[in-house]
C-alpha atoms as a PDB file:
ATOM      1  CA  UNK A   1      25.407  28.359 -96.469  1.00  0.00           C
ATOM      2  CA  UNK A   2      22.587  29.099 -94.040  1.00  0.00           C
ATOM      3  CA  UNK A   3      22.845  31.035 -90.788  1.00  0.00           C
ATOM      4  CA  UNK A   4      22.830  34.504 -89.218  1.00  0.00           C
ATOM      5  CA  UNK A   5      25.845  36.755 -89.622  1.00  0.00           C
ATOM      6  CA  UNK A   6      28.537  35.883 -87.045  1.00  0.00           C
ATOM      7  CA  UNK A   7      29.554  38.593 -84.601  1.00  0.00           C
ATOM      8  CA  UNK A   8      33.185  37.595 -84.941  1.00  0.00           C
ATOM      9  CA  UNK A   9      35.593  34.676 -84.980  1.00  0.00           C
ATOM     10  CA  UNK A  10      35.339  32.298 -81.995  1.00  0.00           C
ATOM     11  CA  UNK A  11      39.065  31.557 -82.212  1.00  0.00           C
ATOM     12  CA  UNK A  12      41.740  33.548 -80.412  1.00  0.00           C
ATOM     13  CA  UNK A  13      44.220  32.449 -83.082  1.00  0.00           C
ATOM     14  CA  UNK A  14      42.413  34.228 -85.920  1.00  0.00           C
ATOM     15  CA  UNK A  15      43.170  37.727 -87.136  1.00  0.00           C
ATOM     16  CA  UNK A  16      39.990  39.508 -86.053  1.00  0.00           C
ATOM     17  CA  UNK A  17      40.294  42.194 -88.724  1.00  0.00           C
ATOM     18  CA  UNK A  18      40.690  39.588 -91.459  1.00  0.00           C
ATOM     19  CA  UNK A  19      37.826  37.527 -90.042  1.00  0.00           C
ATOM     20  CA  UNK A  20      35.546  40.578 -89.990  1.00  0.00           C
ATOM     21  CA  UNK A  21      36.372  41.311 -93.632  1.00  0.00           C
ATOM     22  CA  UNK A  22      35.442  37.781 -94.698  1.00  0.00           C
ATOM     23  CA  UNK A  23      32.230  37.840 -92.643  1.00  0.00           C
ATOM     24  CA  UNK A  24      31.163  41.197 -94.097  1.00  0.00           C
ATOM     25  CA  UNK A  25      31.876  39.988 -97.634  1.00  0.00           C
ATOM     26  CA  UNK A  26      29.823  36.786 -97.215  1.00  0.00           C
ATOM     27  CA  UNK A  27      26.863  38.481 -95.529  1.00  0.00           C
ATOM     28  CA  UNK A  28      26.897  41.807 -97.424  1.00  0.00           C
ATOM     29  CA  UNK A  29      23.711  41.119 -99.382  1.00  0.00           C
ATOM     30  CA  UNK A  30      21.295  41.246 -96.494  1.00  0.00           C
ATOM     31  CA  UNK A  31      18.899  38.307 -96.684  1.00  0.00           C
ATOM     32  CA  UNK A  32      20.712  36.457 -99.483  1.00  0.00           C
ATOM     33  CA  UNK A  33      24.242  36.987-100.812  1.00  0.00           C
ATOM     34  CA  UNK A  34      25.441  35.339-104.023  1.00  0.00           C
ATOM     35  CA  UNK A  35      29.033  34.168-103.696  1.00  0.00           C
ATOM     36  CA  UNK A  36      30.470  32.560-106.808  1.00  0.00           C
ATOM     37  CA  UNK A  37      28.222  29.607-107.645  1.00  0.00           C
ATOM     38  CA  UNK A  38      26.765  29.505-104.126  1.00  0.00           C
ATOM     39  CA  UNK A  39      24.513  31.576-101.902  1.00  0.00           C
ATOM     40  CA  UNK A  40      24.604  32.672 -98.260  1.00  0.00           C
ATOM     41  CA  UNK A  41      21.240  32.889 -96.459  1.00  0.00           C
ATOM     42  CA  UNK A  42      21.342  35.238 -93.463  1.00  0.00           C
ATOM     43  CA  UNK A  43      18.633  33.362 -91.567  1.00  0.00           C
ATOM     44  CA  UNK A  44      18.343  30.640 -88.951  1.00  0.00           C
ATOM     45  CA  UNK A  45      15.388  28.973 -90.693  1.00  0.00           C
ATOM     46  CA  UNK A  46      16.973  26.175 -92.706  1.00  0.00           C
ATOM     47  CA  UNK A  47      13.646  24.895 -94.027  1.00  0.00           C
ATOM     48  CA  UNK A  48      12.706  28.317 -95.408  1.00  0.00           C
ATOM     49  CA  UNK A  49      16.084  28.677 -97.113  1.00  0.00           C
ATOM     50  CA  UNK A  50      15.790  25.250 -98.730  1.00  0.00           C
ATOM     51  CA  UNK A  51      12.278  26.131 -99.890  1.00  0.00           C
ATOM     52  CA  UNK A  52      13.598  29.333-101.474  1.00  0.00           C
ATOM     53  CA  UNK A  53      16.167  27.226-103.318  1.00  0.00           C
ATOM     54  CA  UNK A  54      13.354  24.898-104.409  1.00  0.00           C
ATOM     55  CA  UNK A  55      15.326  22.015-102.890  1.00  0.00           C
ATOM     56  CA  UNK A  56      12.967  19.256-101.753  1.00  0.00           C
ATOM     57  CA  UNK A  57      13.842  17.002 -98.794  1.00  0.00           C
ATOM     58  CA  UNK A  58      16.051  14.059 -99.721  1.00  0.00           C
ATOM     59  CA  UNK A  59      13.741  11.677 -97.853  1.00  0.00           C
ATOM     60  CA  UNK A  60      10.369  11.993 -96.163  1.00  0.00           C
ATOM     61  CA  UNK A  61       8.159   9.253 -94.727  1.00  0.00           C
ATOM     62  CA  UNK A  62       4.737   8.678 -93.268  1.00  0.00           C
ATOM     63  CA  UNK A  63       4.700   8.042 -89.516  1.00  0.00           C
ATOM     64  CA  UNK A  64       2.672   4.931 -88.613  1.00  0.00           C
ATOM     65  CA  UNK A  65       2.685   6.173 -84.995  1.00  0.00           C
ATOM     66  CA  UNK A  66       3.241   9.517 -83.319  1.00  0.00           C
ATOM     67  CA  UNK A  67       6.602   8.425 -81.903  1.00  0.00           C
ATOM     68  CA  UNK A  68       7.865   6.720 -85.070  1.00  0.00           C
ATOM     69  CA  UNK A  69      11.437   7.721 -85.834  1.00  0.00           C
ATOM     70  CA  UNK A  70      13.540   6.692 -88.827  1.00  0.00           C
ATOM     71  CA  UNK A  71      17.025   8.039 -89.479  1.00  0.00           C
ATOM     72  CA  UNK A  72      18.853   7.702 -92.785  1.00  0.00           C
ATOM     73  CA  UNK A  73      22.108   8.095 -94.670  1.00  0.00           C
ATOM     74  CA  UNK A  74      22.269   8.646 -98.437  1.00  0.00           C
ATOM     75  CA  UNK A  75      25.209   7.610-100.577  1.00  0.00           C
ATOM     76  CA  UNK A  76      25.483   8.202-104.301  1.00  0.00           C
ATOM     77  CA  UNK A  77      26.807   5.211-106.237  1.00  0.00           C
ATOM     78  CA  UNK A  78      28.435   5.126-109.647  1.00  0.00           C
ATOM     79  CA  UNK A  79      25.311   3.416-110.977  1.00  0.00           C
ATOM     80  CA  UNK A  80      22.596   4.726-108.677  1.00  0.00           C
ATOM     81  CA  UNK A  81      21.692   5.718-105.118  1.00  0.00           C
ATOM     82  CA  UNK A  82      21.799   3.884-101.799  1.00  0.00           C
ATOM     83  CA  UNK A  83      19.880   4.839 -98.655  1.00  0.00           C
ATOM     84  CA  UNK A  84      20.387   3.259 -95.232  1.00  0.00           C
ATOM     85  CA  UNK A  85      17.234   3.466 -93.087  1.00  0.00           C
ATOM     86  CA  UNK A  86      17.353   2.823 -89.329  1.00  0.00           C
ATOM     87  CA  UNK A  87      14.254   2.263 -87.187  1.00  0.00           C
ATOM     88  CA  UNK A  88      14.771   3.945 -83.811  1.00  0.00           C
ATOM     89  CA  UNK A  89      11.764   2.472 -81.989  1.00  0.00           C
ATOM     90  CA  UNK A  90      11.454  -0.959 -80.395  1.00  0.00           C
ATOM     91  CA  UNK A  91       8.699  -2.284 -82.646  1.00  0.00           C
ATOM     92  CA  UNK A  92       8.375  -3.374 -86.248  1.00  0.00           C
ATOM     93  CA  UNK A  93       6.919  -0.771 -88.606  1.00  0.00           C
ATOM     94  CA  UNK A  94       6.267  -0.383 -92.314  1.00  0.00           C
ATOM     95  CA  UNK A  95       6.719   3.101 -93.711  1.00  0.00           C
ATOM     96  CA  UNK A  96       5.909   4.746 -97.015  1.00  0.00           C
ATOM     97  CA  UNK A  97       9.176   6.539 -97.773  1.00  0.00           C
ATOM     98  CA  UNK A  98       9.511   9.226-100.454  1.00  0.00           C
ATOM     99  CA  UNK A  99      12.987   9.544-102.006  1.00  0.00           C
ATOM    100  CA  UNK A 100      14.388  12.348-104.159  1.00  0.00           C
ATOM    101  CA  UNK A 101      15.151   9.789-106.873  1.00  0.00           C
ATOM    102  CA  UNK A 102      13.365   8.876-110.089  1.00  0.00           C
ATOM    103  CA  UNK A 103      13.847   6.643-113.105  1.00  0.00           C
ATOM    104  CA  UNK A 104      15.193   3.597-111.232  1.00  0.00           C
ATOM    105  CA  UNK A 105      13.621   0.509-109.677  1.00  0.00           C
ATOM    106  CA  UNK A 106      13.788   0.109-105.904  1.00  0.00           C
ATOM    107  CA  UNK A 107      15.427  -2.835-104.147  1.00  0.00           C
ATOM    108  CA  UNK A 108      15.594  -3.800-100.457  1.00  0.00           C
ATOM    109  CA  UNK A 109      18.872  -5.146 -99.068  1.00  0.00           C
ATOM    110  CA  UNK A 110      18.993  -6.825 -95.650  1.00  0.00           C
ATOM    111  CA  UNK A 111      22.160  -5.597 -93.879  1.00  0.00           C
ATOM    112  CA  UNK A 112      22.255  -8.647 -91.573  1.00  0.00           C
ATOM    113  CA  UNK A 113      21.883 -11.439 -94.144  1.00  0.00           C
ATOM    114  CA  UNK A 114      22.816  -9.769 -97.438  1.00  0.00           C
ATOM    115  CA  UNK A 115      19.532 -10.964 -98.946  1.00  0.00           C
ATOM    116  CA  UNK A 116      18.170  -8.684-101.685  1.00  0.00           C
ATOM    117  CA  UNK A 117      14.590  -8.427-102.890  1.00  0.00           C
ATOM    118  CA  UNK A 118      12.532  -6.161-105.149  1.00  0.00           C
ATOM    119  CA  UNK A 119      10.442  -3.481-103.457  1.00  0.00           C
ATOM    120  CA  UNK A 120       7.020  -2.068-104.176  1.00  0.00           C
ATOM    121  CA  UNK A 121       7.322   1.488-105.450  1.00  0.00           C
ATOM    122  CA  UNK A 122       5.593   4.236-107.389  1.00  0.00           C
ATOM    123  CA  UNK A 123       7.069   7.298-109.073  1.00  0.00           C
ATOM    124  CA  UNK A 124       5.387  10.666-108.647  1.00  0.00           C
ATOM    125  CA  UNK A 125       7.048  13.555-110.447  1.00  0.00           C
ATOM    126  CA  UNK A 126      10.736  13.536-109.608  1.00  0.00           C
ATOM    127  CA  UNK A 127      10.312  11.368-106.490  1.00  0.00           C
ATOM    128  CA  UNK A 128       9.897   7.655-105.812  1.00  0.00           C
ATOM    129  CA  UNK A 129       7.727   6.265-103.007  1.00  0.00           C
ATOM    130  CA  UNK A 130       8.844   2.916-101.574  1.00  0.00           C
ATOM    131  CA  UNK A 131       7.126   0.589 -99.116  1.00  0.00           C
ATOM    132  CA  UNK A 132       9.878  -0.159 -96.582  1.00  0.00           C
ATOM    133  CA  UNK A 133       9.308  -2.719 -93.800  1.00  0.00           C
ATOM    134  CA  UNK A 134      11.548  -2.265 -90.760  1.00  0.00           C
ATOM    135  CA  UNK A 135      12.098  -4.719 -87.916  1.00  0.00           C
ATOM    136  CA  UNK A 136      12.071  -3.393 -84.359  1.00  0.00           C
ATOM    137  CA  UNK A 137      15.264  -1.398 -83.938  1.00  0.00           C
ATOM    138  CA  UNK A 138      16.131  -2.777 -87.369  1.00  0.00           C
ATOM    139  CA  UNK A 139      17.481  -1.338 -90.572  1.00  0.00           C
ATOM    140  CA  UNK A 140      17.364  -1.812 -94.323  1.00  0.00           C
ATOM    141  CA  UNK A 141      19.173  -0.561 -97.407  1.00  0.00           C
ATOM    142  CA  UNK A 142      16.935   0.917-100.117  1.00  0.00           C
ATOM    143  CA  UNK A 143      18.882   0.810-103.369  1.00  0.00           C
ATOM    144  CA  UNK A 144      18.081   2.399-106.734  1.00  0.00           C
ATOM    145  CA  UNK A 145      20.242   0.931-109.517  1.00  0.00           C
ATOM    146  CA  UNK A 146      18.285  -0.722-112.320  1.00  0.00           C
ATOM    147  CA  UNK A 147      16.683   1.643-114.882  1.00  0.00           C
ATOM    148  CA  UNK A 148      12.894   1.530-114.620  1.00  0.00           C
ATOM    149  CA  UNK A 149      12.459   1.715-118.417  1.00  0.00           C
ATOM    150  CA  UNK A 150       8.954   3.120-118.137  1.00  0.00           C
ATOM    151  CA  UNK A 151       7.913   0.902-115.199  1.00  0.00           C
ATOM    152  CA  UNK A 152       6.827   3.780-112.964  1.00  0.00           C
ATOM    153  CA  UNK A 153       4.871   1.570-110.579  1.00  0.00           C
ATOM    154  CA  UNK A 154       5.521  -1.877-109.165  1.00  0.00           C
ATOM    155  CA  UNK A 155       3.057  -3.375-106.681  1.00  0.00           C
ATOM    156  CA  UNK A 156       4.219  -6.670-105.222  1.00  0.00           C
ATOM    157  CA  UNK A 157       1.801  -9.094-103.547  1.00  0.00           C
ATOM    158  CA  UNK A 158       1.401  -8.443 -99.845  1.00  0.00           C
ATOM    159  CA  UNK A 159       3.259 -10.895 -97.631  1.00  0.00           C
ATOM    160  CA  UNK A 160       1.868 -11.993 -94.294  1.00  0.00           C
ATOM    161  CA  UNK A 161       2.826 -14.612 -91.729  1.00  0.00           C
ATOM    162  CA  UNK A 162       0.998 -17.605 -90.333  1.00  0.00           C
ATOM    163  CA  UNK A 163       1.971 -19.528 -87.227  1.00  0.00           C
ATOM    164  CA  UNK A 164       2.566 -23.148 -88.228  1.00  0.00           C
ATOM    165  CA  UNK A 165       2.969 -24.317 -84.637  1.00  0.00           C
ATOM    166  CA  UNK A 166       3.975 -23.071 -81.215  1.00  0.00           C
ATOM    167  CA  UNK A 167       6.840 -24.800 -79.420  1.00  0.00           C
ATOM    168  CA  UNK A 168       5.736 -24.764 -75.794  1.00  0.00           C
ATOM    169  CA  UNK A 169       7.499 -26.388 -72.835  1.00  0.00           C
ATOM    170  CA  UNK A 170       8.769 -28.774 -71.714  1.00  0.00           C
ATOM    171  CA  UNK A 171      12.281 -28.185 -72.999  1.00  0.00           C
ATOM    172  CA  UNK A 172      15.294 -30.316 -72.130  1.00  0.00           C
ATOM    173  CA  UNK A 173      18.196 -28.026 -71.222  1.00  0.00           C
ATOM    174  CA  UNK A 174      21.871 -29.033 -71.016  1.00  0.00           C
ATOM    175  CA  UNK A 175      24.283 -26.614 -69.354  1.00  0.00           C
ATOM    176  CA  UNK A 176      27.924 -26.118 -70.248  1.00  0.00           C
ATOM    177  CA  UNK A 177      30.131 -28.089 -67.864  1.00  0.00           C
ATOM    178  CA  UNK A 178      32.192 -26.542 -65.048  1.00  0.00           C
ATOM    179  CA  UNK A 179      30.094 -23.388 -64.806  1.00  0.00           C
ATOM    180  CA  UNK A 180      28.228 -24.264 -61.590  1.00  0.00           C
ATOM    181  CA  UNK A 181      24.936 -25.413 -63.137  1.00  0.00           C
ATOM    182  CA  UNK A 182      23.519 -28.951 -63.153  1.00  0.00           C
ATOM    183  CA  UNK A 183      24.373 -31.013 -66.231  1.00  0.00           C
ATOM    184  CA  UNK A 184      20.742 -31.061 -67.381  1.00  0.00           C
ATOM    185  CA  UNK A 185      17.345 -29.748 -66.374  1.00  0.00           C
ATOM    186  CA  UNK A 186      13.774 -29.918 -67.633  1.00  0.00           C
ATOM    187  CA  UNK A 187      12.073 -26.548 -68.003  1.00  0.00           C
ATOM    188  CA  UNK A 188       8.292 -26.817 -67.648  1.00  0.00           C
ATOM    189  CA  UNK A 189       8.244 -23.259 -68.941  1.00  0.00           C
ATOM    190  CA  UNK A 190      10.878 -21.033 -70.490  1.00  0.00           C
ATOM    191  CA  UNK A 191      12.338 -18.846 -67.768  1.00  0.00           C
ATOM    192  CA  UNK A 192      14.888 -16.126 -67.283  1.00  0.00           C
ATOM    193  CA  UNK A 193      17.773 -17.790 -65.400  1.00  0.00           C
ATOM    194  CA  UNK A 194      17.413 -15.089 -62.739  1.00  0.00           C
ATOM    195  CA  UNK A 195      14.076 -16.665 -61.732  1.00  0.00           C
ATOM    196  CA  UNK A 196      15.549 -20.089 -60.949  1.00  0.00           C
ATOM    197  CA  UNK A 197      15.649 -21.222 -57.295  1.00  0.00           C
ATOM    198  CA  UNK A 198      18.798 -23.201 -58.165  1.00  0.00           C
ATOM    199  CA  UNK A 199      21.799 -20.868 -57.663  1.00  0.00           C
ATOM    200  CA  UNK A 200      23.745 -22.904 -60.223  1.00  0.00           C
ATOM    201  CA  UNK A 201      21.240 -21.833 -62.886  1.00  0.00           C
ATOM    202  CA  UNK A 202      20.524 -18.385 -61.464  1.00  0.00           C
ATOM    203  CA  UNK A 203      24.205 -17.409 -61.664  1.00  0.00           C
ATOM    204  CA  UNK A 204      24.996 -19.443 -64.792  1.00  0.00           C
ATOM    205  CA  UNK A 205      27.030 -17.932 -67.623  1.00  0.00           C
ATOM    206  CA  UNK A 206      27.837 -19.924 -70.730  1.00  0.00           C
ATOM    207  CA  UNK A 207      26.045 -22.099 -73.280  1.00  0.00           C
ATOM    208  CA  UNK A 208      22.646 -23.595 -72.464  1.00  0.00           C
ATOM    209  CA  UNK A 209      21.388 -26.067 -75.083  1.00  0.00           C
ATOM    210  CA  UNK A 210      17.596 -26.366 -75.389  1.00  0.00           C
ATOM    211  CA  UNK A 211      16.182 -29.371 -77.275  1.00  0.00           C
ATOM    212  CA  UNK A 212      12.769 -30.705 -78.177  1.00  0.00           C
ATOM    213  CA  UNK A 213      11.035 -32.532 -81.005  1.00  0.00           C
ATOM    214  CA  UNK A 214       8.207 -31.165 -83.097  1.00  0.00           C
ATOM    215  CA  UNK A 215       6.055 -32.797 -85.753  1.00  0.00           C
ATOM    216  CA  UNK A 216       5.511 -30.682 -88.855  1.00  0.00           C
ATOM    217  CA  UNK A 217       3.286 -31.217 -91.892  1.00  0.00           C
ATOM    218  CA  UNK A 218       4.566 -30.898 -95.449  1.00  0.00           C
ATOM    219  CA  UNK A 219       4.833 -27.236 -96.458  1.00  0.00           C
ATOM    220  CA  UNK A 220       3.553 -25.710 -99.712  1.00  0.00           C
ATOM    221  CA  UNK A 221       6.121 -25.599-102.495  1.00  0.00           C
ATOM    222  CA  UNK A 222       8.265 -22.468-102.319  1.00  0.00           C
ATOM    223  CA  UNK A 223       7.271 -21.608 -98.742  1.00  0.00           C
ATOM    224  CA  UNK A 224       9.634 -19.688 -96.496  1.00  0.00           C
ATOM    225  CA  UNK A 225       9.718 -21.044 -92.963  1.00  0.00           C
ATOM    226  CA  UNK A 226      11.277 -19.529 -89.837  1.00  0.00           C
ATOM    227  CA  UNK A 227      11.718 -20.447 -86.225  1.00  0.00           C
ATOM    228  CA  UNK A 228      10.994 -17.363 -84.136  1.00  0.00           C
ATOM    229  CA  UNK A 229      12.714 -17.500 -80.744  1.00  0.00           C
ATOM    230  CA  UNK A 230      10.851 -14.585 -79.197  1.00  0.00           C
ATOM    231  CA  UNK A 231      13.333 -13.030 -76.761  1.00  0.00           C
ATOM    232  CA  UNK A 232      16.917 -14.264 -76.383  1.00  0.00           C
ATOM    233  CA  UNK A 233      19.529 -13.126 -73.871  1.00  0.00           C
ATOM    234  CA  UNK A 234      22.009 -12.706 -75.417  1.00  0.00           C
ATOM    235  CA  UNK A 235      22.491 -14.699 -78.649  1.00  0.00           C
ATOM    236  CA  UNK A 236      21.524 -18.104 -80.019  1.00  0.00           C
ATOM    237  CA  UNK A 237      22.505 -20.735 -82.561  1.00  0.00           C
ATOM    238  CA  UNK A 238      19.794 -22.895 -84.160  1.00  0.00           C
ATOM    239  CA  UNK A 239      20.129 -26.428 -85.507  1.00  0.00           C
ATOM    240  CA  UNK A 240      17.366 -28.518 -87.052  1.00  0.00           C
ATOM    241  CA  UNK A 241      17.922 -32.267 -87.361  1.00  0.00           C
ATOM    242  CA  UNK A 242      21.605 -31.646 -86.645  1.00  0.00           C
ATOM    243  CA  UNK A 243      22.000 -29.060 -89.425  1.00  0.00           C
ATOM    244  CA  UNK A 244      23.186 -25.571 -88.505  1.00  0.00           C
ATOM    245  CA  UNK A 245      20.555 -23.084 -89.683  1.00  0.00           C
ATOM    246  CA  UNK A 246      21.955 -19.820 -88.363  1.00  0.00           C
ATOM    247  CA  UNK A 247      22.975 -17.590 -85.463  1.00  0.00           C
ATOM    248  CA  UNK A 248      20.978 -14.637 -84.142  1.00  0.00           C
ATOM    249  CA  UNK A 249      22.311 -11.776 -82.040  1.00  0.00           C
ATOM    250  CA  UNK A 250      19.702  -9.038 -82.444  1.00  0.00           C
ATOM    251  CA  UNK A 251      15.919  -8.759 -82.712  1.00  0.00           C
ATOM    252  CA  UNK A 252      13.969 -10.190 -84.348  1.00  0.00           C
ATOM    253  CA  UNK A 253      15.491 -13.453 -83.113  1.00  0.00           C
ATOM    254  CA  UNK A 254      14.447 -15.686 -85.990  1.00  0.00           C
ATOM    255  CA  UNK A 255      16.202 -18.084 -88.349  1.00  0.00           C
ATOM    256  CA  UNK A 256      15.024 -19.456 -91.694  1.00  0.00           C
ATOM    257  CA  UNK A 257      14.772 -23.255 -91.415  1.00  0.00           C
ATOM    258  CA  UNK A 258      13.228 -24.348 -94.718  1.00  0.00           C
ATOM    259  CA  UNK A 259      16.463 -26.122 -95.649  1.00  0.00           C
ATOM    260  CA  UNK A 260      16.494 -28.217 -92.489  1.00  0.00           C
ATOM    261  CA  UNK A 261      12.962 -29.337 -91.673  1.00  0.00           C
ATOM    262  CA  UNK A 262      11.239 -32.385 -93.120  1.00  0.00           C
ATOM    263  CA  UNK A 263       7.631 -33.584 -92.957  1.00  0.00           C
ATOM    264  CA  UNK A 264       7.204 -35.527 -89.727  1.00  0.00           C
ATOM    265  CA  UNK A 265       9.295 -35.430 -86.550  1.00  0.00           C
ATOM    266  CA  UNK A 266      12.062 -32.805 -86.382  1.00  0.00           C
ATOM    267  CA  UNK A 267      14.645 -32.279 -83.649  1.00  0.00           C
ATOM    268  CA  UNK A 268      15.108 -28.635 -82.683  1.00  0.00           C
ATOM    269  CA  UNK A 269      18.293 -27.587 -80.882  1.00  0.00           C
ATOM    270  CA  UNK A 270      18.848 -24.024 -79.675  1.00  0.00           C
ATOM    271  CA  UNK A 271      22.098 -22.985 -78.033  1.00  0.00           C
ATOM    272  CA  UNK A 272      21.564 -19.810 -76.015  1.00  0.00           C
ATOM    273  CA  UNK A 273      24.635 -17.921 -74.813  1.00  0.00           C
ATOM    274  CA  UNK A 274      24.723 -15.161 -72.208  1.00  0.00           C
ATOM    275  CA  UNK A 275      27.447 -12.879 -70.850  1.00  0.00           C
ATOM    276  CA  UNK A 276      29.863 -13.494 -67.965  1.00  0.00           C
ATOM    277  CA  UNK A 277      28.117 -11.011 -65.676  1.00  0.00           C
ATOM    278  CA  UNK A 278      25.925 -13.426 -63.705  1.00  0.00           C
ATOM    279  CA  UNK A 279      28.722 -15.928 -63.019  1.00  0.00           C
ATOM    280  CA  UNK A 280      30.991 -13.109 -61.830  1.00  0.00           C
ATOM    281  CA  UNK A 281      28.272 -11.974 -59.418  1.00  0.00           C
ATOM    282  CA  UNK A 282      27.652 -15.549 -58.282  1.00  0.00           C
ATOM    283  CA  UNK A 283      31.322 -16.042 -57.502  1.00  0.00           C
ATOM    284  CA  UNK A 284      31.364 -13.172 -54.978  1.00  0.00           C
ATOM    285  CA  UNK A 285      28.265 -14.242 -53.051  1.00  0.00           C
ATOM    286  CA  UNK A 286      28.754 -14.644 -49.279  1.00  0.00           C
ATOM    287  CA  UNK A 287      29.796 -18.159 -48.318  1.00  0.00           C
ATOM    288  CA  UNK A 288      30.930 -19.220 -51.800  1.00  0.00           C
ATOM    289  CA  UNK A 289      33.689 -21.826 -51.517  1.00  0.00           C
ATOM    290  CA  UNK A 290      34.210 -22.657 -55.193  1.00  0.00           C
ATOM    291  CA  UNK A 291      34.725 -20.015 -57.824  1.00  0.00           C
ATOM    292  CA  UNK A 292      34.395 -20.540 -61.568  1.00  0.00           C
ATOM    293  CA  UNK A 293      35.853 -17.230 -62.713  1.00  0.00           C
ATOM    294  CA  UNK A 294      39.070 -15.368 -61.972  1.00  0.00           C
ATOM    295  CA  UNK A 295      39.622 -11.698 -62.776  1.00  0.00           C
ATOM    296  CA  UNK A 296      43.097 -10.278 -63.318  1.00  0.00           C
ATOM    297  CA  UNK A 297      44.409  -6.724 -63.567  1.00  0.00           C
ATOM    298  CA  UNK A 298      48.039  -6.238 -64.611  1.00  0.00           C
ATOM    299  CA  UNK A 299      48.588  -9.959 -64.220  1.00  0.00           C
ATOM    300  CA  UNK A 300      47.394 -10.027 -60.607  1.00  0.00           C
ATOM    301  CA  UNK A 301      44.165 -11.676 -59.375  1.00  0.00           C
ATOM    302  CA  UNK A 302      41.521  -9.183 -58.333  1.00  0.00           C
ATOM    303  CA  UNK A 303      39.162  -9.727 -55.408  1.00  0.00           C
ATOM    304  CA  UNK A 304      35.824  -8.070 -54.740  1.00  0.00           C
ATOM    305  CA  UNK A 305      37.298  -6.233 -51.755  1.00  0.00           C
ATOM    306  CA  UNK A 306      40.051  -4.518 -53.711  1.00  0.00           C
ATOM    307  CA  UNK A 307      39.695  -1.090 -55.192  1.00  0.00           C
ATOM    308  CA  UNK A 308      38.638   0.561 -51.946  1.00  0.00           C
ATOM    309  CA  UNK A 309      40.845   3.050 -50.167  1.00  0.00           C
ATOM    310  CA  UNK A 310      43.013   3.653 -53.212  1.00  0.00           C
ATOM    311  CA  UNK A 311      44.341   0.058 -53.333  1.00  0.00           C
ATOM    312  CA  UNK A 312      43.968  -0.469 -57.056  1.00  0.00           C
ATOM    313  CA  UNK A 313      41.238  -1.257 -59.562  1.00  0.00           C
ATOM    314  CA  UNK A 314      37.844  -2.363 -58.250  1.00  0.00           C
ATOM    315  CA  UNK A 315      36.130  -5.630 -59.096  1.00  0.00           C
ATOM    316  CA  UNK A 316      33.367  -4.541 -61.517  1.00  0.00           C
ATOM    317  CA  UNK A 317      30.659  -6.723 -59.927  1.00  0.00           C
ATOM    318  CA  UNK A 318      29.702  -7.310 -56.299  1.00  0.00           C
ATOM    319  CA  UNK A 319      27.309  -9.617 -54.483  1.00  0.00           C
ATOM    320  CA  UNK A 320      24.502  -7.052 -54.653  1.00  0.00           C
ATOM    321  CA  UNK A 321      25.022  -6.147 -58.327  1.00  0.00           C
ATOM    322  CA  UNK A 322      21.892  -6.705 -60.477  1.00  0.00           C
ATOM    323  CA  UNK A 323      21.822  -9.890 -62.534  1.00  0.00           C
ATOM    324  CA  UNK A 324      21.329  -9.710 -66.301  1.00  0.00           C
ATOM    325  CA  UNK A 325      18.381 -11.337 -68.054  1.00  0.00           C
ATOM    326  CA  UNK A 326      19.679 -14.626 -69.468  1.00  0.00           C
ATOM    327  CA  UNK A 327      18.595 -17.635 -71.504  1.00  0.00           C
ATOM    328  CA  UNK A 328      15.953 -18.429 -74.098  1.00  0.00           C
ATOM    329  CA  UNK A 329      12.850 -16.557 -72.954  1.00  0.00           C
ATOM    330  CA  UNK A 330      10.541 -17.232 -75.907  1.00  0.00           C
ATOM    331  CA  UNK A 331       7.809 -17.646 -76.839  1.00  0.00           C
ATOM    332  CA  UNK A 332       9.157 -19.977 -79.535  1.00  0.00           C
ATOM    333  CA  UNK A 333       7.111 -20.697 -82.649  1.00  0.00           C
ATOM    334  CA  UNK A 334       7.482 -21.719 -86.273  1.00  0.00           C
ATOM    335  CA  UNK A 335       6.019 -19.293 -88.803  1.00  0.00           C
ATOM    336  CA  UNK A 336       5.463 -19.436 -92.543  1.00  0.00           C
ATOM    337  CA  UNK A 337       5.423 -16.536 -94.981  1.00  0.00           C
ATOM    338  CA  UNK A 338       2.245 -16.369 -97.011  1.00  0.00           C
ATOM    339  CA  UNK A 339       2.038 -14.347-100.219  1.00  0.00           C
ATOM    340  CA  UNK A 340      -1.331 -12.948-101.202  1.00  0.00           C
ATOM    341  CA  UNK A 341      -2.590 -13.792-104.680  1.00  0.00           C
ATOM    342  CA  UNK A 342      -2.332 -10.999-107.243  1.00  0.00           C
END
């Protein structure tokens, strides 16, 4: 236990005399008191106490940038150790992380897809350094299970990405029926729905289906291929040649498509879905005669005017409420993973 000697119990329910006796017993040794198998450090400097105990940090990492921030949780498994690393900045970073683990190979587990892969690592003394790539605001599990059996270093070939092709406008866009938008539109550039001069699109909430065709060359054997959607508000489903490839709901908005594309012409279909917010705001605009949404509280319809003067719950959105970014914003491209030769 680490901390200065308490002045007393903070609880009115405690017996102050008994509390004082316990406090004096635990902090009787001055700087350090041995209590059973443990020790009490009468100091506020946690780092100094841990150094005295010769207890190294569980995890340290190099900061690629001054504001880099990675948080972690460590769980001991029956057959090893598991660390969950979370990138707290809005950009992708690769860190060199040092773990208080040795004697086991490192693996990377993707918490979104469940995909596992070996990691590059090196053991130094009783610690293991692992190269851990993190997506922007992303996370990864670093798992130590398999015995290294003398393999104290593993350097995997560096992986980089190449853009196979960009997918620029025009895009054909079909809007979900009965939501106020036109049935179809041609986007000469990918836009946030808020930018549209058409109020049916500007206030649209629902599914917007973007389609276009792209011609692709044959890819090298064993290549991994993704479609990168850039920015999506708020989630998207991707189909290639009619085959569902995946759904994305967080950055990076990308889906592996190697199982769907073929050499030649390919049909790309992206269904982008946003929240109800914009349609709710559109339905309370001045002069609106047709509404597409209805809000109920306790089984009764709620109007934008209610909630004032103590007359019940307020409508959460009004005509002047800010619209949310919506739609497929891009830029959209197809990228291929390239592995450097060893």
